[in-house]
Protein backbone atom coordinates (compact mmCIF):
# COMPACT_ATOMS: atom_id res chain seq x y z
CA MET A 1 132.79 -70.22 -148.19
CA PRO A 2 132.12 -66.49 -148.55
CA ALA A 3 129.13 -65.53 -150.47
CA ASP A 4 131.27 -63.90 -153.42
CA ALA A 5 133.06 -66.94 -153.77
CA GLN A 6 129.89 -68.63 -154.73
CA GLN A 7 128.93 -66.58 -157.67
CA GLY A 8 129.61 -67.20 -161.22
CA PHE A 9 129.69 -70.79 -161.93
CA LEU A 10 126.36 -72.36 -161.68
CA SER A 11 123.32 -70.34 -161.03
CA PHE A 12 119.47 -71.25 -160.60
CA GLU A 13 117.59 -67.91 -160.81
CA ASN A 14 114.01 -68.33 -159.57
CA VAL A 15 113.39 -71.50 -161.19
CA LYS A 16 109.87 -72.98 -161.42
CA LYS A 17 108.54 -76.20 -162.80
CA SER A 18 104.79 -77.34 -163.48
CA TYR A 19 103.90 -80.48 -165.51
CA ASP A 20 100.17 -79.30 -165.75
CA GLN A 21 100.47 -75.30 -165.74
CA GLN A 22 98.63 -75.25 -162.33
CA THR A 23 100.72 -77.05 -159.61
CA LEU A 24 104.41 -76.07 -159.25
CA VAL A 25 106.56 -79.20 -158.34
CA VAL A 26 109.48 -76.74 -158.00
CA LYS A 27 108.87 -73.13 -156.58
CA ASP A 28 111.17 -70.37 -156.83
CA PHE A 29 114.41 -72.07 -156.69
CA SER A 30 117.55 -69.94 -156.45
CA LEU A 31 121.14 -71.27 -155.86
CA GLU A 32 124.78 -70.07 -156.54
CA VAL A 33 127.02 -72.87 -156.74
CA ALA A 34 130.82 -72.34 -156.98
CA GLN A 35 133.12 -74.29 -159.29
CA GLY A 36 134.38 -77.38 -157.32
CA GLU A 37 131.43 -77.41 -154.87
CA PHE A 38 130.02 -80.67 -153.93
CA ILE A 39 126.32 -79.84 -153.74
CA THR A 40 123.56 -82.30 -152.51
CA LEU A 41 119.84 -81.77 -153.14
CA LEU A 42 118.20 -83.99 -150.29
CA GLY A 43 114.81 -84.28 -149.45
CA PRO A 44 111.73 -87.05 -149.28
CA SER A 45 110.30 -88.59 -152.24
CA GLY A 46 108.27 -86.04 -154.43
CA SER A 47 109.97 -82.96 -152.93
CA GLY A 48 111.26 -81.61 -156.21
CA LYS A 49 115.02 -82.37 -155.98
CA SER A 50 115.47 -84.79 -159.05
CA THR A 51 113.39 -82.36 -161.06
CA VAL A 52 116.01 -79.62 -160.39
CA LEU A 53 118.41 -82.04 -161.57
CA MET A 54 116.54 -83.04 -164.76
CA MET A 55 116.10 -79.51 -165.58
CA LEU A 56 119.95 -78.86 -165.17
CA ALA A 57 120.73 -81.73 -167.56
CA GLY A 58 118.19 -80.45 -170.05
CA PHE A 59 115.86 -83.42 -169.77
CA GLU A 60 112.96 -81.44 -168.53
CA ASP A 61 111.95 -77.84 -169.50
CA VAL A 62 112.27 -75.14 -167.07
CA THR A 63 108.74 -73.29 -166.75
CA SER A 64 109.94 -70.27 -165.74
CA GLY A 65 113.49 -68.56 -164.45
CA ASP A 66 116.86 -69.34 -165.60
CA ILE A 67 119.64 -71.82 -165.11
CA LYS A 68 123.29 -70.45 -166.29
CA ILE A 69 126.55 -72.28 -166.39
CA ALA A 70 129.63 -69.69 -166.23
CA GLY A 71 127.25 -66.83 -166.66
CA GLN A 72 125.42 -68.07 -169.89
CA SER A 73 122.22 -69.35 -169.88
CA VAL A 74 121.42 -73.08 -170.79
CA THR A 75 117.80 -73.15 -170.19
CA ARG A 76 117.30 -73.67 -173.96
CA THR A 77 120.32 -75.40 -174.75
CA ALA A 78 119.95 -79.09 -175.86
CA PRO A 79 121.34 -81.50 -173.33
CA TYR A 80 124.20 -82.89 -175.37
CA LYS A 81 125.72 -79.37 -175.77
CA ARG A 82 125.63 -78.43 -171.92
CA ASN A 83 129.02 -80.41 -171.45
CA ILE A 84 127.72 -82.33 -168.46
CA GLY A 85 128.70 -85.75 -167.08
CA MET A 86 125.87 -87.82 -165.47
CA VAL A 87 126.04 -91.01 -163.04
CA PHE A 88 122.83 -92.98 -162.50
CA GLN A 89 121.80 -95.60 -160.18
CA ASN A 90 121.63 -98.45 -162.83
CA TYR A 91 125.26 -97.49 -164.11
CA ALA A 92 124.13 -97.33 -167.84
CA LEU A 93 127.31 -98.95 -169.14
CA PHE A 94 127.14 -100.79 -172.66
CA PRO A 95 127.19 -104.53 -171.72
CA HIS A 96 128.61 -105.45 -175.13
CA MET A 97 131.58 -103.31 -174.66
CA THR A 98 134.69 -103.92 -172.42
CA ILE A 99 135.68 -101.45 -169.57
CA ALA A 100 138.12 -99.69 -171.73
CA GLU A 101 135.67 -99.32 -174.64
CA ASN A 102 133.02 -97.81 -172.36
CA LEU A 103 135.46 -95.41 -171.28
CA ALA A 104 136.81 -94.58 -174.72
CA TYR A 105 133.14 -94.16 -175.98
CA PRO A 106 132.69 -90.40 -174.96
CA LEU A 107 135.99 -89.56 -176.14
CA GLN A 108 135.59 -91.06 -179.56
CA VAL A 109 132.29 -89.08 -179.80
CA ARG A 110 134.20 -85.95 -179.31
CA LYS A 111 136.71 -86.91 -182.22
CA MET A 112 139.86 -87.54 -179.85
CA SER A 113 142.62 -88.94 -181.46
CA LYS A 114 143.29 -92.73 -181.06
CA SER A 115 146.65 -92.02 -179.13
CA ASP A 116 144.91 -89.62 -176.73
CA VAL A 117 141.90 -91.91 -176.15
CA LYS A 118 144.36 -94.74 -175.26
CA ALA A 119 146.42 -92.58 -172.92
CA ARG A 120 143.19 -91.19 -171.21
CA VAL A 121 141.48 -94.24 -170.84
CA ALA A 122 144.61 -95.89 -169.22
CA GLU A 123 144.72 -92.89 -166.72
CA TYR A 124 141.22 -93.06 -165.74
CA LEU A 125 141.39 -96.87 -165.15
CA ASP A 126 144.52 -96.41 -162.83
CA LEU A 127 142.38 -93.40 -161.02
CA ILE A 128 139.60 -95.90 -160.07
CA GLU A 129 142.07 -98.54 -159.19
CA LEU A 130 140.89 -100.99 -162.16
CA GLY A 131 143.85 -100.72 -164.26
CA SER A 132 143.91 -104.34 -165.21
CA PHE A 133 140.34 -104.60 -165.75
CA GLY A 134 140.06 -102.90 -169.23
CA GLY A 135 139.50 -106.06 -171.33
CA ARG A 136 136.71 -107.19 -169.04
CA TYR A 137 133.11 -106.61 -169.29
CA PRO A 138 130.49 -104.81 -167.22
CA GLY A 139 128.97 -108.36 -166.55
CA GLN A 140 132.29 -109.58 -165.01
CA LEU A 141 132.45 -106.89 -162.63
CA SER A 142 131.06 -106.26 -159.00
CA GLY A 143 128.17 -103.73 -158.47
CA GLY A 144 130.94 -101.36 -156.98
CA GLN A 145 133.24 -101.75 -159.63
CA ARG A 146 130.57 -101.04 -162.12
CA GLN A 147 129.74 -98.07 -160.42
CA ARG A 148 133.37 -96.80 -160.45
CA VAL A 149 133.27 -97.37 -164.11
CA ALA A 150 130.33 -95.31 -164.68
CA LEU A 151 131.80 -92.59 -162.54
CA ALA A 152 135.04 -92.74 -164.64
CA ARG A 153 133.13 -92.49 -167.95
CA ALA A 154 130.94 -89.40 -166.65
CA LEU A 155 134.65 -87.66 -165.80
CA ILE A 156 136.71 -88.75 -168.46
CA PHE A 157 135.71 -86.14 -171.15
CA GLU A 158 136.22 -83.51 -168.45
CA PRO A 159 132.73 -82.01 -168.33
CA THR A 160 131.71 -78.72 -166.82
CA LEU A 161 129.93 -80.27 -164.00
CA ILE A 162 128.80 -83.73 -162.80
CA LEU A 163 125.44 -84.70 -161.91
CA MET A 164 124.71 -87.84 -159.92
CA ASP A 165 121.10 -88.91 -159.54
CA GLU A 166 120.86 -91.59 -156.24
CA PRO A 167 123.98 -93.26 -157.85
CA LEU A 168 124.32 -95.44 -154.99
CA GLY A 169 121.07 -96.76 -154.52
CA ALA A 170 121.34 -100.07 -155.90
CA LEU A 171 124.52 -100.99 -153.53
CA ASP A 172 124.37 -102.71 -150.31
CA LYS A 173 125.45 -100.71 -147.01
CA LYS A 174 129.19 -101.77 -147.15
CA LEU A 175 129.35 -101.06 -150.74
CA ARG A 176 127.56 -97.77 -150.45
CA GLU A 177 130.25 -96.55 -147.75
CA GLN A 178 133.10 -97.63 -149.94
CA MET A 179 131.60 -95.75 -153.03
CA GLN A 180 131.07 -92.64 -150.70
CA TYR A 181 134.86 -92.52 -149.98
CA GLU A 182 135.83 -93.39 -154.01
CA ILE A 183 133.53 -90.48 -154.99
CA THR A 184 134.89 -88.07 -152.44
CA ARG A 185 138.41 -89.23 -152.90
CA LEU A 186 138.16 -88.27 -156.71
CA HIS A 187 136.22 -85.02 -156.06
CA GLU A 188 138.99 -83.84 -153.91
CA GLN A 189 141.68 -85.01 -156.33
CA LEU A 190 140.22 -83.63 -159.31
CA GLY A 191 138.19 -80.57 -158.12
CA PHE A 192 135.05 -81.40 -160.24
CA THR A 193 131.75 -79.74 -159.44
CA VAL A 194 128.90 -82.05 -158.49
CA ILE A 195 125.24 -81.68 -158.22
CA TYR A 196 123.99 -84.97 -156.14
CA VAL A 197 120.56 -86.15 -155.49
CA THR A 198 119.78 -88.40 -152.64
CA HIS A 199 117.13 -89.26 -149.86
CA ASP A 200 120.16 -90.71 -147.68
CA GLN A 201 120.88 -88.28 -144.88
CA THR A 202 124.07 -90.03 -143.73
CA GLU A 203 125.43 -89.87 -147.49
CA ALA A 204 124.75 -86.37 -147.83
CA LEU A 205 126.20 -85.13 -144.34
CA SER A 206 129.44 -87.15 -145.32
CA MET A 207 130.08 -86.25 -148.74
CA SER A 208 128.80 -82.59 -149.21
CA THR A 209 130.16 -79.17 -149.22
CA ARG A 210 126.50 -78.03 -148.75
CA ILE A 211 123.20 -79.53 -148.64
CA ALA A 212 119.97 -78.14 -149.91
CA VAL A 213 116.84 -79.58 -148.00
CA PHE A 214 113.77 -79.86 -150.17
CA ASN A 215 110.23 -79.97 -149.07
CA ASP A 216 107.22 -79.80 -151.38
CA GLY A 217 109.34 -77.94 -154.04
CA VAL A 218 110.83 -75.41 -151.97
CA VAL A 219 114.32 -75.31 -150.41
CA GLN A 220 113.93 -75.20 -146.80
CA GLN A 221 117.60 -74.61 -146.07
CA CYS A 222 120.93 -74.74 -147.83
CA ALA A 223 124.04 -74.83 -145.53
CA PRO A 224 127.19 -77.01 -144.87
CA PRO A 225 126.34 -80.37 -143.34
CA ALA A 226 127.51 -79.08 -139.66
CA GLU A 227 125.44 -75.96 -139.93
CA LEU A 228 122.30 -77.88 -141.10
CA TYR A 229 122.79 -80.31 -138.45
CA GLU A 230 123.66 -78.04 -135.42
CA LYS A 231 121.49 -75.15 -136.56
CA PRO A 232 118.41 -76.34 -138.53
CA ALA A 233 116.31 -73.32 -140.02
CA ASN A 234 113.27 -74.91 -138.94
CA ALA A 235 111.27 -77.95 -137.21
CA PHE A 236 111.30 -79.64 -140.88
CA VAL A 237 114.81 -79.50 -141.21
CA ALA A 238 115.49 -80.80 -137.70
CA GLU A 239 113.17 -83.62 -138.04
CA PHE A 240 114.54 -84.51 -141.48
CA ILE A 241 118.32 -84.46 -140.85
CA GLY A 242 119.22 -86.97 -138.48
CA GLU A 243 117.30 -88.02 -135.49
CA ASN A 244 115.67 -85.49 -133.10
CA ASN A 245 113.25 -85.44 -130.09
CA PHE A 246 110.51 -82.85 -130.07
CA ILE A 247 109.17 -81.60 -126.66
CA PRO A 248 106.06 -79.45 -126.90
CA GLY A 249 105.61 -76.12 -124.67
CA LYS A 250 104.52 -72.71 -124.77
CA VAL A 251 106.95 -69.70 -124.96
CA ARG A 252 107.04 -67.73 -121.82
CA ARG A 253 109.91 -65.43 -122.82
CA ILE A 254 112.30 -64.65 -125.45
CA GLU A 255 115.58 -62.57 -124.49
CA GLY A 256 119.10 -62.54 -126.21
CA GLY A 257 118.20 -65.09 -128.75
CA MET A 258 117.26 -67.35 -126.24
CA ALA A 259 113.46 -68.62 -125.28
CA GLN A 260 112.11 -70.08 -121.93
CA ILE A 261 109.44 -72.58 -122.54
CA ASP A 262 106.85 -74.05 -120.14
CA LEU A 263 106.23 -77.62 -120.52
CA PRO A 264 103.09 -79.52 -119.96
CA GLY A 265 104.33 -81.02 -116.77
CA GLY A 266 105.32 -77.95 -115.06
CA GLU A 267 109.03 -77.47 -115.83
CA THR A 268 110.36 -74.53 -117.49
CA ILE A 269 113.60 -75.04 -119.72
CA GLY A 270 115.68 -72.95 -121.97
CA ALA A 271 116.20 -73.11 -125.53
CA VAL A 272 117.70 -71.12 -128.57
CA ALA A 273 114.91 -69.16 -130.09
CA GLY A 274 114.28 -70.39 -133.83
CA ALA A 275 112.94 -68.54 -136.70
CA GLY A 276 109.43 -67.02 -136.18
CA LEU A 277 109.06 -67.86 -132.57
CA GLU A 278 106.84 -65.29 -130.58
CA ILE A 279 106.04 -65.10 -126.77
CA GLY A 280 102.93 -66.90 -125.91
CA GLN A 281 102.98 -69.08 -128.89
CA GLU A 282 102.96 -73.02 -128.94
CA ALA A 283 106.29 -74.49 -129.58
CA VAL A 284 108.37 -77.42 -129.90
CA ILE A 285 111.73 -77.98 -128.62
CA SER A 286 114.05 -79.83 -130.76
CA VAL A 287 116.88 -81.78 -128.98
CA ARG A 288 119.18 -84.43 -130.31
CA PRO A 289 119.37 -87.88 -128.63
CA GLU A 290 123.06 -87.78 -128.29
CA LYS A 291 122.68 -84.07 -126.48
CA LEU A 292 120.89 -85.53 -123.75
CA PHE A 293 122.04 -87.18 -120.57
CA ILE A 294 120.70 -89.34 -117.73
CA ASP A 295 121.17 -87.87 -114.06
CA PRO A 296 123.64 -88.42 -112.48
CA SER A 297 125.93 -87.34 -115.07
CA GLU A 298 129.24 -85.35 -115.31
CA HIS A 299 128.32 -83.40 -118.29
CA ARG A 300 127.31 -79.65 -117.92
CA SER A 301 123.76 -78.87 -118.14
CA ASP A 302 121.04 -76.06 -117.45
CA ASN A 303 117.97 -78.07 -118.52
CA ALA A 304 116.46 -80.83 -116.44
CA ILE A 305 112.96 -82.75 -116.83
CA SER A 306 111.32 -85.82 -115.38
CA ALA A 307 110.51 -88.95 -117.47
CA ARG A 308 109.53 -92.72 -116.88
CA PHE A 309 111.82 -95.21 -118.30
CA VAL A 310 110.03 -97.46 -120.88
CA THR A 311 112.73 -99.56 -122.52
CA ARG A 312 116.19 -99.79 -123.82
CA HIS A 313 117.84 -101.17 -126.91
CA TYR A 314 121.33 -102.60 -127.34
CA VAL A 315 122.76 -101.33 -130.57
CA GLY A 316 126.53 -102.30 -129.95
CA ASP A 317 128.65 -99.22 -129.69
CA PHE A 318 125.63 -97.47 -127.97
CA ILE A 319 122.33 -98.19 -126.03
CA ARG A 320 119.25 -96.44 -126.89
CA TYR A 321 117.11 -95.55 -123.93
CA TYR A 322 113.45 -94.41 -124.45
CA PHE A 323 111.69 -92.18 -121.53
CA ARG A 324 108.21 -91.03 -121.62
CA LEU A 325 107.11 -87.65 -120.15
CA GLY A 326 103.89 -87.20 -118.44
CA ASP A 327 102.00 -85.93 -121.46
CA GLY A 328 103.06 -88.99 -123.34
CA THR A 329 105.79 -87.41 -125.40
CA GLU A 330 108.46 -90.26 -126.11
CA ILE A 331 112.27 -89.19 -125.61
CA ASN A 332 115.05 -91.28 -126.79
CA ILE A 333 118.76 -90.80 -125.69
CA LYS A 334 122.00 -92.33 -126.80
CA VAL A 335 124.25 -93.65 -124.17
CA LEU A 336 127.72 -95.03 -124.83
CA ASN A 337 128.03 -98.57 -124.24
CA ASP A 338 130.33 -98.77 -121.13
CA LEU A 339 130.38 -99.55 -117.49
CA ALA A 340 128.71 -96.27 -116.51
CA ALA A 341 125.50 -97.14 -118.85
CA PRO A 342 122.73 -96.85 -116.15
CA LYS A 343 120.32 -99.35 -115.23
CA PHE A 344 116.34 -98.92 -115.21
CA ALA A 345 113.46 -100.99 -114.99
CA GLU A 346 110.25 -100.32 -116.60
CA GLY A 347 108.28 -97.38 -114.85
CA ASP A 348 111.31 -96.06 -113.06
CA LEU A 349 111.53 -92.05 -112.83
CA GLY A 350 114.63 -90.66 -114.12
CA LYS A 351 115.88 -87.19 -114.60
CA LEU A 352 117.11 -86.08 -118.21
CA LEU A 353 119.57 -83.33 -118.56
CA TRP A 354 120.83 -81.10 -121.38
CA LEU A 355 122.08 -77.57 -122.10
CA SER A 356 119.72 -75.08 -123.32
CA ALA A 357 122.26 -74.16 -126.04
CA ASP A 358 122.13 -77.64 -127.59
CA CYS A 359 118.26 -77.49 -128.34
CA ILE A 360 116.10 -75.08 -130.28
CA ALA A 361 112.57 -74.01 -130.00
CA PHE A 362 110.41 -73.76 -133.01
CA PRO A 363 106.74 -72.57 -133.67
CA ALA A 364 104.78 -75.79 -133.25
CA ALA A 365 102.71 -74.74 -136.64
CA GLY A 366 105.81 -74.98 -138.84
CA ARG A 367 106.85 -78.54 -138.15
CA ASP A 368 105.25 -79.97 -140.94
CA SER A 369 105.85 -76.87 -143.50
């Protein structure tokens, strides 16, 4: 999405938050969101992502900075005047009301006529594929059905944007996957704007237009899922998003955006030079398990290192192999479960192969930033 398309709908401008006027839990957060985007705030517990959501909703005050919707500041606007829909983990449905009454409630509060309320409720019950469930109560529905009703209730009054705070956290794996599909389907169909908070990487990668990765109150990177996964901005993002191997080394040379790294075992390998990398610096090479291959392999490669086989874990559609380098660094590799899957005994020496373009070298000091 071009930069100018991201302007003008939702803006966070140098937003900071402190609860004690000393420690910042959100540090200088800025973000432009286009209408119709699905933005996920992703990070470990305590990283500041939920605080940003609560400030946008108006449930937390902004210490400094500004939040604008459609060009108008809402920083000092009461929550009920922001025209924002919210979906929580605990559904927040009224147990004494039927499903139809739950959906009708936000429309009645807004003084919509009875005929319009009835028509809108019927429309949204069909939209979430619960057209015949309007007379039931929340306690008579499954967890996935209740979450669909909660989503419909947040959408039915056509809010400016939808905020979702860990909405699928209470569901089991199968229901989570079903609801990820449902939310994505409705988002594509209706085109509403979403700010979504989760700590689940798979959820974020599969649903989002862009993902903002938080750590210690700071956004480490905000990018589309594929870019975040394939081109992490630093070692923290590389480690937090998906699985990764980190191989220590020292930078020998940098040229044309590529680095040559000397490993403790004596090998020299190539890698994309990450931000801040300098010659002579201690580095970590980030390479994902699915980018590694075990010799012999038909895949192209220009990096090769020797390692001792430790063990393998059968996962079903793939097998996870564990190797150990001479310095004790553990490497894990994903191999498709087929007849070509290699056989090793513990302690066997193997050669691991990959492309230098498929790994990134970061400054070692930045891994925990």
